[in-house]
Amino acid sequence: MTDSDNSETDDLQPSKSERKRQMLALQEMGERLVSLSRSDLNRIDIADERLIEAVEIARGITARGGLKRQLQFIGKLMRSTDTAPIERGLAMLDQQDAVSTANFHRVETARDRLRDEGDAALGDILAIWPAAEASLLRQWIRQHPKEIERGNGKAHARKLFRYLSELDAAASISD
């Protein structure tokens, strides 16, 4: 074998540093699997039963060193597993979290606008959620200063937030 043949095979194999980065990435993906709730974990397509079992074991380990070793083992198992379905599942969960966060912020902004601007914001709120009861929102706007005086401002704001969240959920279901 000549030097040129040897350099060609070196180019085909990743460097030791690259292999280590890949192993750490798999281990981090395993850490994410361990940190998921049981319902979210069940939504991810994991074909390897040993990997599922290792993740479940890791969820019960409280010793820091033991958990680290278990995460390394999960990373090792993931090297022999097709990780594409796991990556798709994690991406799907990330997207759902982003949508949920955006919905939360939209409702929160609407509630704050009603609290700060009063009737001036009512038209925009009704444009976003046509099913909203205008009379109920006007009543909330009128009662808000009185509730603040009584010390119930936060509870009153939570009540409006719940109402707007229900409207938002109903609107997203009908879309």
N, C-alpha and C. Protein backbone atom coordinates (compact mmCIF):
# COMPACT_ATOMS: atom_id res chain seq x y z
N MET A 1 0.85 -1.17 0.00
CA MET A 1 0.00 0.00 0.00
C MET A 1 0.90 1.23 0.00
N THR A 2 0.61 2.17 -0.87
CA THR A 2 1.44 3.36 -0.98
C THR A 2 0.88 4.47 -0.12
N ASP A 3 1.64 5.54 -0.02
CA ASP A 3 1.20 6.70 0.77
C ASP A 3 -0.08 7.32 0.21
N SER A 4 -0.23 7.32 -1.12
CA SER A 4 -1.43 7.91 -1.71
C SER A 4 -2.65 7.05 -1.40
N ASP A 5 -2.51 5.73 -1.37
CA ASP A 5 -3.64 4.85 -1.01
C ASP A 5 -4.03 5.06 0.44
N ASN A 6 -3.04 5.22 1.29
CA ASN A 6 -3.28 5.41 2.72
C ASN A 6 -4.00 6.73 2.98
N SER A 7 -3.62 7.78 2.27
CA SER A 7 -4.26 9.08 2.48
C SER A 7 -5.71 9.06 1.99
N GLU A 8 -6.02 8.25 0.96
CA GLU A 8 -7.39 8.15 0.47
C GLU A 8 -8.29 7.50 1.52
N THR A 9 -7.81 6.47 2.20
CA THR A 9 -8.62 5.82 3.23
C THR A 9 -8.77 6.73 4.44
N ASP A 10 -7.76 7.56 4.71
CA ASP A 10 -7.87 8.51 5.82
C ASP A 10 -8.95 9.55 5.54
N ASP A 11 -9.08 9.94 4.26
CA ASP A 11 -10.08 10.94 3.91
C ASP A 11 -11.50 10.38 4.06
N LEU A 12 -11.67 9.08 3.90
CA LEU A 12 -13.00 8.48 3.99
C LEU A 12 -13.47 8.34 5.43
N GLN A 13 -12.54 8.15 6.36
CA GLN A 13 -12.91 7.98 7.76
C GLN A 13 -12.86 9.32 8.48
N PRO A 14 -13.85 9.57 9.35
CA PRO A 14 -13.81 10.83 10.11
C PRO A 14 -12.64 10.81 11.09
N SER A 15 -12.16 11.97 11.41
CA SER A 15 -11.05 12.08 12.36
C SER A 15 -11.51 11.66 13.75
N LYS A 16 -10.57 11.45 14.62
CA LYS A 16 -10.91 11.06 15.99
C LYS A 16 -11.74 12.15 16.66
N SER A 17 -11.40 13.39 16.41
CA SER A 17 -12.15 14.51 16.99
C SER A 17 -13.59 14.53 16.48
N GLU A 18 -13.75 14.25 15.17
CA GLU A 18 -15.09 14.23 14.60
C GLU A 18 -15.91 13.08 15.18
N ARG A 19 -15.30 11.92 15.34
CA ARG A 19 -16.01 10.79 15.94
C ARG A 19 -16.43 11.13 17.37
N LYS A 20 -15.57 11.81 18.10
CA LYS A 20 -15.89 12.19 19.48
C LYS A 20 -17.06 13.18 19.50
N ARG A 21 -17.04 14.14 18.57
CA ARG A 21 -18.15 15.10 18.49
C ARG A 21 -19.46 14.38 18.19
N GLN A 22 -19.41 13.40 17.29
CA GLN A 22 -20.61 12.64 16.95
C GLN A 22 -21.11 11.85 18.16
N MET A 23 -20.19 11.24 18.91
CA MET A 23 -20.58 10.48 20.10
C MET A 23 -21.19 11.40 21.16
N LEU A 24 -20.61 12.59 21.34
CA LEU A 24 -21.16 13.54 22.31
C LEU A 24 -22.55 14.03 21.87
N ALA A 25 -22.72 14.23 20.56
CA ALA A 25 -24.04 14.65 20.06
C ALA A 25 -25.08 13.57 20.33
N LEU A 26 -24.71 12.30 20.14
CA LEU A 26 -25.63 11.21 20.44
C LEU A 26 -25.94 11.14 21.93
N GLN A 27 -24.92 11.37 22.74
CA GLN A 27 -25.12 11.35 24.19
C GLN A 27 -26.04 12.50 24.62
N GLU A 28 -25.88 13.68 24.01
CA GLU A 28 -26.77 14.81 24.32
C GLU A 28 -28.20 14.51 23.89
N MET A 29 -28.35 13.82 22.75
CA MET A 29 -29.69 13.43 22.32
C MET A 29 -30.29 12.45 23.33
N GLY A 30 -29.46 11.57 23.85
CA GLY A 30 -29.90 10.65 24.89
C GLY A 30 -30.31 11.38 26.15
N GLU A 31 -29.56 12.42 26.52
CA GLU A 31 -29.91 13.23 27.69
C GLU A 31 -31.27 13.88 27.50
N ARG A 32 -31.52 14.33 26.27
CA ARG A 32 -32.83 14.93 25.99
C ARG A 32 -33.94 13.91 26.14
N LEU A 33 -33.69 12.68 25.68
CA LEU A 33 -34.69 11.62 25.82
C LEU A 33 -34.98 11.35 27.29
N VAL A 34 -33.93 11.35 28.11
CA VAL A 34 -34.10 11.09 29.54
C VAL A 34 -34.90 12.21 30.19
N SER A 35 -34.72 13.44 29.74
CA SER A 35 -35.39 14.58 30.38
C SER A 35 -36.84 14.75 29.93
N LEU A 36 -37.27 14.04 28.90
CA LEU A 36 -38.65 14.18 28.41
C LEU A 36 -39.64 13.57 29.39
N SER A 37 -40.85 14.08 29.35
CA SER A 37 -41.91 13.46 30.14
C SER A 37 -42.23 12.10 29.52
N ARG A 38 -42.85 11.25 30.29
CA ARG A 38 -43.17 9.90 29.82
C ARG A 38 -44.07 9.95 28.58
N SER A 39 -45.04 10.86 28.57
CA SER A 39 -45.96 10.95 27.43
C SER A 39 -45.22 11.42 26.17
N ASP A 40 -44.31 12.39 26.32
CA ASP A 40 -43.54 12.85 25.16
C ASP A 40 -42.60 11.75 24.67
N LEU A 41 -42.00 11.02 25.59
CA LEU A 41 -41.09 9.93 25.22
C LEU A 41 -41.84 8.85 24.45
N ASN A 42 -43.07 8.56 24.83
CA ASN A 42 -43.86 7.55 24.14
C ASN A 42 -44.23 7.98 22.72
N ARG A 43 -44.22 9.27 22.46
CA ARG A 43 -44.57 9.77 21.13
C ARG A 43 -43.42 9.67 20.14
N ILE A 44 -42.22 9.40 20.65
CA ILE A 44 -41.04 9.29 19.78
C ILE A 44 -40.85 7.84 19.39
N ASP A 45 -40.59 7.62 18.10
CA ASP A 45 -40.41 6.27 17.56
C ASP A 45 -38.99 5.79 17.83
N ILE A 46 -38.84 4.96 18.86
CA ILE A 46 -37.54 4.38 19.20
C ILE A 46 -37.65 2.89 18.94
N ALA A 47 -36.89 2.41 17.95
CA ALA A 47 -37.00 1.01 17.53
C ALA A 47 -36.26 0.06 18.47
N ASP A 48 -35.18 0.50 19.08
CA ASP A 48 -34.34 -0.37 19.90
C ASP A 48 -34.89 -0.47 21.32
N GLU A 49 -35.33 -1.66 21.69
CA GLU A 49 -35.88 -1.88 23.03
C GLU A 49 -34.83 -1.66 24.12
N ARG A 50 -33.58 -2.00 23.81
CA ARG A 50 -32.51 -1.79 24.81
C ARG A 50 -32.35 -0.30 25.11
N LEU A 51 -32.50 0.52 24.09
CA LEU A 51 -32.38 1.96 24.27
C LEU A 51 -33.53 2.49 25.13
N ILE A 52 -34.73 2.02 24.87
CA ILE A 52 -35.89 2.44 25.68
C ILE A 52 -35.67 2.04 27.14
N GLU A 53 -35.20 0.82 27.34
CA GLU A 53 -34.96 0.34 28.70
C GLU A 53 -33.86 1.16 29.38
N ALA A 54 -32.80 1.49 28.63
CA ALA A 54 -31.70 2.28 29.21
C ALA A 54 -32.17 3.68 29.59
N VAL A 55 -33.05 4.26 28.79
CA VAL A 55 -33.59 5.59 29.10
C VAL A 55 -34.45 5.50 30.36
N GLU A 56 -35.27 4.48 30.46
CA GLU A 56 -36.11 4.31 31.65
C GLU A 56 -35.25 4.13 32.91
N ILE A 57 -34.18 3.37 32.79
CA ILE A 57 -33.28 3.17 33.94
C ILE A 57 -32.64 4.49 34.33
N ALA A 58 -32.21 5.27 33.33
CA ALA A 58 -31.56 6.56 33.60
C ALA A 58 -32.51 7.52 34.31
N ARG A 59 -33.78 7.43 34.01
CA ARG A 59 -34.77 8.32 34.65
C ARG A 59 -34.85 8.06 36.15
N GLY A 60 -34.51 6.83 36.58
CA GLY A 60 -34.59 6.49 37.99
C GLY A 60 -33.29 6.66 38.76
N ILE A 61 -32.20 6.98 38.06
CA ILE A 61 -30.90 7.11 38.73
C ILE A 61 -30.77 8.52 39.30
N THR A 62 -30.41 8.60 40.59
CA THR A 62 -30.23 9.91 41.22
C THR A 62 -28.77 10.23 41.46
N ALA A 63 -27.91 9.22 41.52
CA ALA A 63 -26.48 9.46 41.75
C ALA A 63 -25.86 10.07 40.49
N ARG A 64 -25.14 11.14 40.68
CA ARG A 64 -24.60 11.89 39.55
C ARG A 64 -23.66 11.04 38.69
N GLY A 65 -22.75 10.31 39.33
CA GLY A 65 -21.81 9.48 38.59
C GLY A 65 -22.50 8.35 37.86
N GLY A 66 -23.47 7.73 38.52
CA GLY A 66 -24.22 6.65 37.89
C GLY A 66 -25.01 7.14 36.70
N LEU A 67 -25.60 8.32 36.82
CA LEU A 67 -26.36 8.89 35.72
C LEU A 67 -25.44 9.19 34.54
N LYS A 68 -24.25 9.71 34.83
CA LYS A 68 -23.30 10.02 33.77
C LYS A 68 -22.91 8.74 33.01
N ARG A 69 -22.65 7.67 33.75
CA ARG A 69 -22.30 6.40 33.10
C ARG A 69 -23.47 5.87 32.28
N GLN A 70 -24.68 6.01 32.80
CA GLN A 70 -25.85 5.53 32.07
C GLN A 70 -26.05 6.35 30.80
N LEU A 71 -25.81 7.65 30.86
CA LEU A 71 -25.94 8.50 29.67
C LEU A 71 -24.89 8.12 28.63
N GLN A 72 -23.69 7.77 29.08
CA GLN A 72 -22.66 7.31 28.15
C GLN A 72 -23.10 6.00 27.50
N PHE A 73 -23.72 5.12 28.28
CA PHE A 73 -24.22 3.86 27.74
C PHE A 73 -25.32 4.12 26.72
N ILE A 74 -26.19 5.07 27.01
CA ILE A 74 -27.25 5.43 26.06
C ILE A 74 -26.63 5.93 24.76
N GLY A 75 -25.60 6.78 24.88
CA GLY A 75 -24.90 7.26 23.69
C GLY A 75 -24.30 6.11 22.89
N LYS A 76 -23.74 5.12 23.58
CA LYS A 76 -23.16 3.95 22.93
C LYS A 76 -24.25 3.16 22.19
N LEU A 77 -25.40 2.97 22.83
CA LEU A 77 -26.50 2.26 22.19
C LEU A 77 -27.00 3.01 20.96
N MET A 78 -26.99 4.33 21.04
CA MET A 78 -27.50 5.14 19.94
C MET A 78 -26.59 5.08 18.72
N ARG A 79 -25.31 4.74 18.92
CA ARG A 79 -24.41 4.61 17.78
C ARG A 79 -24.84 3.48 16.85
N SER A 80 -25.48 2.46 17.40
CA SER A 80 -25.90 1.32 16.58
C SER A 80 -27.38 1.40 16.22
N THR A 81 -28.02 2.51 16.51
CA THR A 81 -29.45 2.69 16.25
C THR A 81 -29.64 3.75 15.17
N ASP A 82 -30.67 3.60 14.37
CA ASP A 82 -31.02 4.63 13.39
C ASP A 82 -31.63 5.80 14.17
N THR A 83 -30.93 6.91 14.20
CA THR A 83 -31.38 8.05 15.01
C THR A 83 -32.31 9.00 14.26
N ALA A 84 -32.52 8.77 12.97
CA ALA A 84 -33.37 9.68 12.18
C ALA A 84 -34.79 9.78 12.76
N PRO A 85 -35.45 8.66 13.12
CA PRO A 85 -36.80 8.80 13.70
C PRO A 85 -36.78 9.54 15.04
N ILE A 86 -35.72 9.35 15.81
CA ILE A 86 -35.62 10.04 17.10
C ILE A 86 -35.45 11.54 16.87
N GLU A 87 -34.59 11.89 15.90
CA GLU A 87 -34.38 13.31 15.58
C GLU A 87 -35.68 13.95 15.09
N ARG A 88 -36.43 13.22 14.25
CA ARG A 88 -37.72 13.76 13.77
C ARG A 88 -38.69 13.95 14.93
N GLY A 89 -38.73 12.98 15.84
CA GLY A 89 -39.62 13.09 16.99
C GLY A 89 -39.27 14.26 17.88
N LEU A 90 -37.98 14.46 18.12
CA LEU A 90 -37.55 15.59 18.95
C LEU A 90 -37.85 16.91 18.25
N ALA A 91 -37.66 16.95 16.92
CA ALA A 91 -37.96 18.17 16.16
C ALA A 91 -39.46 18.47 16.22
N MET A 92 -40.29 17.41 16.14
CA MET A 92 -41.74 17.60 16.23
C MET A 92 -42.11 18.18 17.59
N LEU A 93 -41.51 17.65 18.67
CA LEU A 93 -41.79 18.17 20.01
C LEU A 93 -41.33 19.62 20.13
N ASP A 94 -40.17 19.94 19.56
CA ASP A 94 -39.68 21.32 19.59
C ASP A 94 -40.64 22.25 18.87
N GLN A 95 -41.15 21.81 17.72
CA GLN A 95 -42.09 22.64 16.95
C GLN A 95 -43.38 22.84 17.74
N GLN A 96 -43.87 21.79 18.37
CA GLN A 96 -45.09 21.93 19.17
C GLN A 96 -44.87 22.87 20.34
N ASP A 97 -43.69 22.81 20.96
CA ASP A 97 -43.38 23.72 22.05
C ASP A 97 -43.33 25.16 21.56
N ALA A 98 -42.76 25.36 20.38
CA ALA A 98 -42.68 26.72 19.82
C ALA A 98 -44.08 27.27 19.52
N VAL A 99 -44.94 26.44 18.97
CA VAL A 99 -46.32 26.87 18.67
C VAL A 99 -47.05 27.18 19.97
N SER A 100 -46.87 26.32 20.96
CA SER A 100 -47.52 26.54 22.25
C SER A 100 -47.05 27.83 22.90
N THR A 101 -45.76 28.09 22.82
CA THR A 101 -45.20 29.33 23.38
C THR A 101 -45.73 30.55 22.63
N ALA A 102 -45.81 30.45 21.31
CA ALA A 102 -46.34 31.58 20.53
C ALA A 102 -47.80 31.84 20.88
N ASN A 103 -48.59 30.79 21.03
CA ASN A 103 -50.00 30.96 21.43
C ASN A 103 -50.09 31.61 22.81
N PHE A 104 -49.26 31.15 23.74
CA PHE A 104 -49.26 31.72 25.08
C PHE A 104 -48.95 33.21 25.04
N HIS A 105 -47.94 33.59 24.25
CA HIS A 105 -47.56 35.01 24.17
C HIS A 105 -48.65 35.85 23.50
N ARG A 106 -49.33 35.26 22.50
CA ARG A 106 -50.41 36.00 21.83
C ARG A 106 -51.54 36.29 22.83
N VAL A 107 -51.91 35.30 23.63
CA VAL A 107 -52.97 35.48 24.62
C VAL A 107 -52.53 36.46 25.70
N GLU A 108 -51.28 36.32 26.12
CA GLU A 108 -50.75 37.21 27.16
C GLU A 108 -50.74 38.67 26.68
N THR A 109 -50.34 38.89 25.44
CA THR A 109 -50.31 40.24 24.87
C THR A 109 -51.73 40.81 24.78
N ALA A 110 -52.67 39.99 24.36
CA ALA A 110 -54.06 40.45 24.26
C ALA A 110 -54.59 40.82 25.64
N ARG A 111 -54.31 40.00 26.64
CA ARG A 111 -54.76 40.30 28.01
C ARG A 111 -54.15 41.61 28.49
N ASP A 112 -52.86 41.81 28.25
CA ASP A 112 -52.19 43.03 28.69
C ASP A 112 -52.74 44.26 27.97
N ARG A 113 -53.05 44.09 26.69
CA ARG A 113 -53.64 45.22 25.95
C ARG A 113 -55.00 45.58 26.52
N LEU A 114 -55.81 44.58 26.83
CA LEU A 114 -57.11 44.88 27.43
C LEU A 114 -56.95 45.57 28.77
N ARG A 115 -55.99 45.13 29.54
CA ARG A 115 -55.76 45.71 30.87
C ARG A 115 -55.27 47.14 30.75
N ASP A 116 -54.34 47.39 29.80
CA ASP A 116 -53.72 48.71 29.69
C ASP A 116 -54.54 49.71 28.87
N GLU A 117 -55.12 49.25 27.75
CA GLU A 117 -55.80 50.16 26.83
C GLU A 117 -57.31 50.18 27.00
N GLY A 118 -57.86 49.13 27.59
CA GLY A 118 -59.30 49.09 27.81
C GLY A 118 -60.09 48.92 26.53
N ASP A 119 -61.12 49.77 26.36
CA ASP A 119 -62.02 49.66 25.21
C ASP A 119 -61.30 49.87 23.88
N ALA A 120 -60.19 50.60 23.88
CA ALA A 120 -59.45 50.85 22.64
C ALA A 120 -58.91 49.54 22.04
N ALA A 121 -58.60 48.57 22.86
CA ALA A 121 -58.07 47.30 22.37
C ALA A 121 -59.17 46.28 22.08
N LEU A 122 -60.37 46.56 22.49
CA LEU A 122 -61.46 45.60 22.35
C LEU A 122 -61.73 45.20 20.90
N GLY A 123 -61.68 46.16 19.99
CA GLY A 123 -61.92 45.86 18.57
C GLY A 123 -60.90 44.88 18.01
N ASP A 124 -59.63 45.07 18.37
CA ASP A 124 -58.58 44.16 17.91
C ASP A 124 -58.77 42.77 18.48
N ILE A 125 -59.16 42.70 19.74
CA ILE A 125 -59.37 41.40 20.38
C ILE A 125 -60.52 40.66 19.71
N LEU A 126 -61.60 41.39 19.41
CA LEU A 126 -62.74 40.77 18.73
C LEU A 126 -62.40 40.37 17.30
N ALA A 127 -61.44 41.07 16.67
CA ALA A 127 -61.01 40.68 15.33
C ALA A 127 -60.19 39.38 15.38
N ILE A 128 -59.41 39.22 16.44
CA ILE A 128 -58.62 37.99 16.59
C ILE A 128 -59.52 36.82 16.93
N TRP A 129 -60.43 37.02 17.88
CA TRP A 129 -61.33 35.96 18.35
C TRP A 129 -62.78 36.44 18.19
N PRO A 130 -63.37 36.24 17.03
CA PRO A 130 -64.74 36.71 16.79
C PRO A 130 -65.77 36.05 17.72
N ALA A 131 -65.46 34.90 18.26
CA ALA A 131 -66.41 34.21 19.14
C ALA A 131 -66.43 34.79 20.55
N ALA A 132 -65.54 35.75 20.83
CA ALA A 132 -65.48 36.35 22.16
C ALA A 132 -66.74 37.15 22.44
N GLU A 133 -67.18 37.11 23.66
CA GLU A 133 -68.35 37.88 24.06
C GLU A 133 -67.90 39.30 24.43
N ALA A 134 -68.30 40.26 23.60
CA ALA A 134 -67.89 41.64 23.81
C ALA A 134 -68.38 42.18 25.15
N SER A 135 -69.59 41.79 25.54
CA SER A 135 -70.14 42.29 26.80
C SER A 135 -69.32 41.78 27.99
N LEU A 136 -68.89 40.54 27.92
CA LEU A 136 -68.08 39.97 28.99
C LEU A 136 -66.72 40.68 29.09
N LEU A 137 -66.13 40.97 27.94
CA LEU A 137 -64.84 41.68 27.95
C LEU A 137 -65.00 43.11 28.45
N ARG A 138 -66.08 43.78 28.06
CA ARG A 138 -66.32 45.15 28.57
C ARG A 138 -66.52 45.14 30.08
N GLN A 139 -67.23 44.13 30.55
CA GLN A 139 -67.44 43.99 31.99
C GLN A 139 -66.09 43.80 32.69
N TRP A 140 -65.23 42.99 32.11
CA TRP A 140 -63.91 42.76 32.70
C TRP A 140 -63.14 44.07 32.74
N ILE A 141 -63.20 44.86 31.65
CA ILE A 141 -62.48 46.14 31.58
C ILE A 141 -62.98 47.08 32.67
N ARG A 142 -64.29 47.15 32.87
CA ARG A 142 -64.85 48.03 33.91
C ARG A 142 -64.48 47.56 35.31
N GLN A 143 -64.45 46.25 35.54
CA GLN A 143 -64.18 45.73 36.87
C GLN A 143 -62.70 45.73 37.23
N HIS A 144 -61.84 45.80 36.25
CA HIS A 144 -60.40 45.66 36.52
C HIS A 144 -59.87 46.69 37.53
N PRO A 145 -60.15 48.00 37.38
CA PRO A 145 -59.64 48.95 38.38
C PRO A 145 -60.17 48.67 39.79
N LYS A 146 -61.43 48.24 39.89
CA LYS A 146 -62.00 47.94 41.20
C LYS A 146 -61.32 46.73 41.83
N GLU A 147 -61.00 45.73 41.00
CA GLU A 147 -60.34 44.52 41.51
C GLU A 147 -58.91 44.84 41.97
N ILE A 148 -58.28 45.76 41.30
CA ILE A 148 -56.93 46.17 41.71
C ILE A 148 -56.99 46.85 43.08
N GLU A 149 -57.99 47.70 43.28
CA GLU A 149 -58.16 48.37 44.58
C GLU A 149 -58.38 47.36 45.70
N ARG A 150 -59.11 46.30 45.42
CA ARG A 150 -59.38 45.26 46.42
C ARG A 150 -58.18 44.32 46.62
N GLY A 151 -57.20 44.41 45.75
CA GLY A 151 -56.05 43.52 45.84
C GLY A 151 -56.23 42.22 45.07
N ASN A 152 -57.24 42.17 44.22
CA ASN A 152 -57.53 40.97 43.43
C ASN A 152 -57.13 41.13 41.97
N GLY A 153 -56.22 42.04 41.67
CA GLY A 153 -55.84 42.32 40.28
C GLY A 153 -55.24 41.12 39.57
N LYS A 154 -54.38 40.39 40.25
CA LYS A 154 -53.73 39.23 39.62
C LYS A 154 -54.75 38.13 39.35
N ALA A 155 -55.62 37.86 40.30
CA ALA A 155 -56.63 36.82 40.11
C ALA A 155 -57.57 37.19 38.97
N HIS A 156 -57.91 38.46 38.89
CA HIS A 156 -58.79 38.95 37.84
C HIS A 156 -58.11 38.79 36.47
N ALA A 157 -56.81 39.11 36.41
CA ALA A 157 -56.05 38.98 35.16
C ALA A 157 -55.93 37.50 34.76
N ARG A 158 -55.76 36.61 35.74
CA ARG A 158 -55.69 35.17 35.44
C ARG A 158 -57.01 34.67 34.86
N LYS A 159 -58.09 35.18 35.40
CA LYS A 159 -59.41 34.78 34.93
C LYS A 159 -59.59 35.19 33.46
N LEU A 160 -59.18 36.41 33.12
CA LEU A 160 -59.26 36.86 31.73
C LEU A 160 -58.33 36.03 30.85
N PHE A 161 -57.14 35.74 31.34
CA PHE A 161 -56.19 34.94 30.58
C PHE A 161 -56.79 33.57 30.26
N ARG A 162 -57.43 32.95 31.25
CA ARG A 162 -58.06 31.64 31.03
C ARG A 162 -59.14 31.74 29.95
N TYR A 163 -59.94 32.80 30.03
CA TYR A 163 -61.02 32.98 29.04
C TYR A 163 -60.44 33.14 27.64
N LEU A 164 -59.41 34.00 27.50
CA LEU A 164 -58.79 34.21 26.19
C LEU A 164 -58.09 32.94 25.70
N SER A 165 -57.50 32.17 26.61
CA SER A 165 -56.85 30.90 26.23
C SER A 165 -57.87 29.92 25.69
N GLU A 166 -59.03 29.86 26.33
CA GLU A 166 -60.09 28.97 25.85
C GLU A 166 -60.56 29.41 24.46
N LEU A 167 -60.68 30.72 24.24
CA LEU A 167 -61.06 31.22 22.93
C LEU A 167 -60.02 30.84 21.89
N ASP A 168 -58.74 31.00 22.25
CA ASP A 168 -57.66 30.68 21.33
C ASP A 168 -57.63 29.19 21.00
N ALA A 169 -57.84 28.35 22.01
CA ALA A 169 -57.86 26.91 21.79
C ALA A 169 -59.03 26.51 20.89
N ALA A 170 -60.19 27.11 21.13
CA ALA A 170 -61.36 26.81 20.30
C ALA A 170 -61.14 27.28 18.86
N ALA A 171 -60.49 28.43 18.69
CA ALA A 171 -60.23 28.94 17.35
C ALA A 171 -59.22 28.06 16.61
N SER A 172 -58.22 27.54 17.32
CA SER A 172 -57.22 26.69 16.66
C SER A 172 -57.80 25.33 16.32
N ILE A 173 -58.77 24.85 17.09
CA ILE A 173 -59.42 23.58 16.79
C ILE A 173 -60.28 23.71 15.54
N SER A 174 -60.98 24.84 15.41
CA SER A 174 -61.88 25.04 14.27
C SER A 174 -61.11 25.37 12.99
N ASP A 175 -59.83 25.76 13.09
CA ASP A 175 -59.04 26.08 11.89
C ASP A 175 -58.64 24.88 11.12
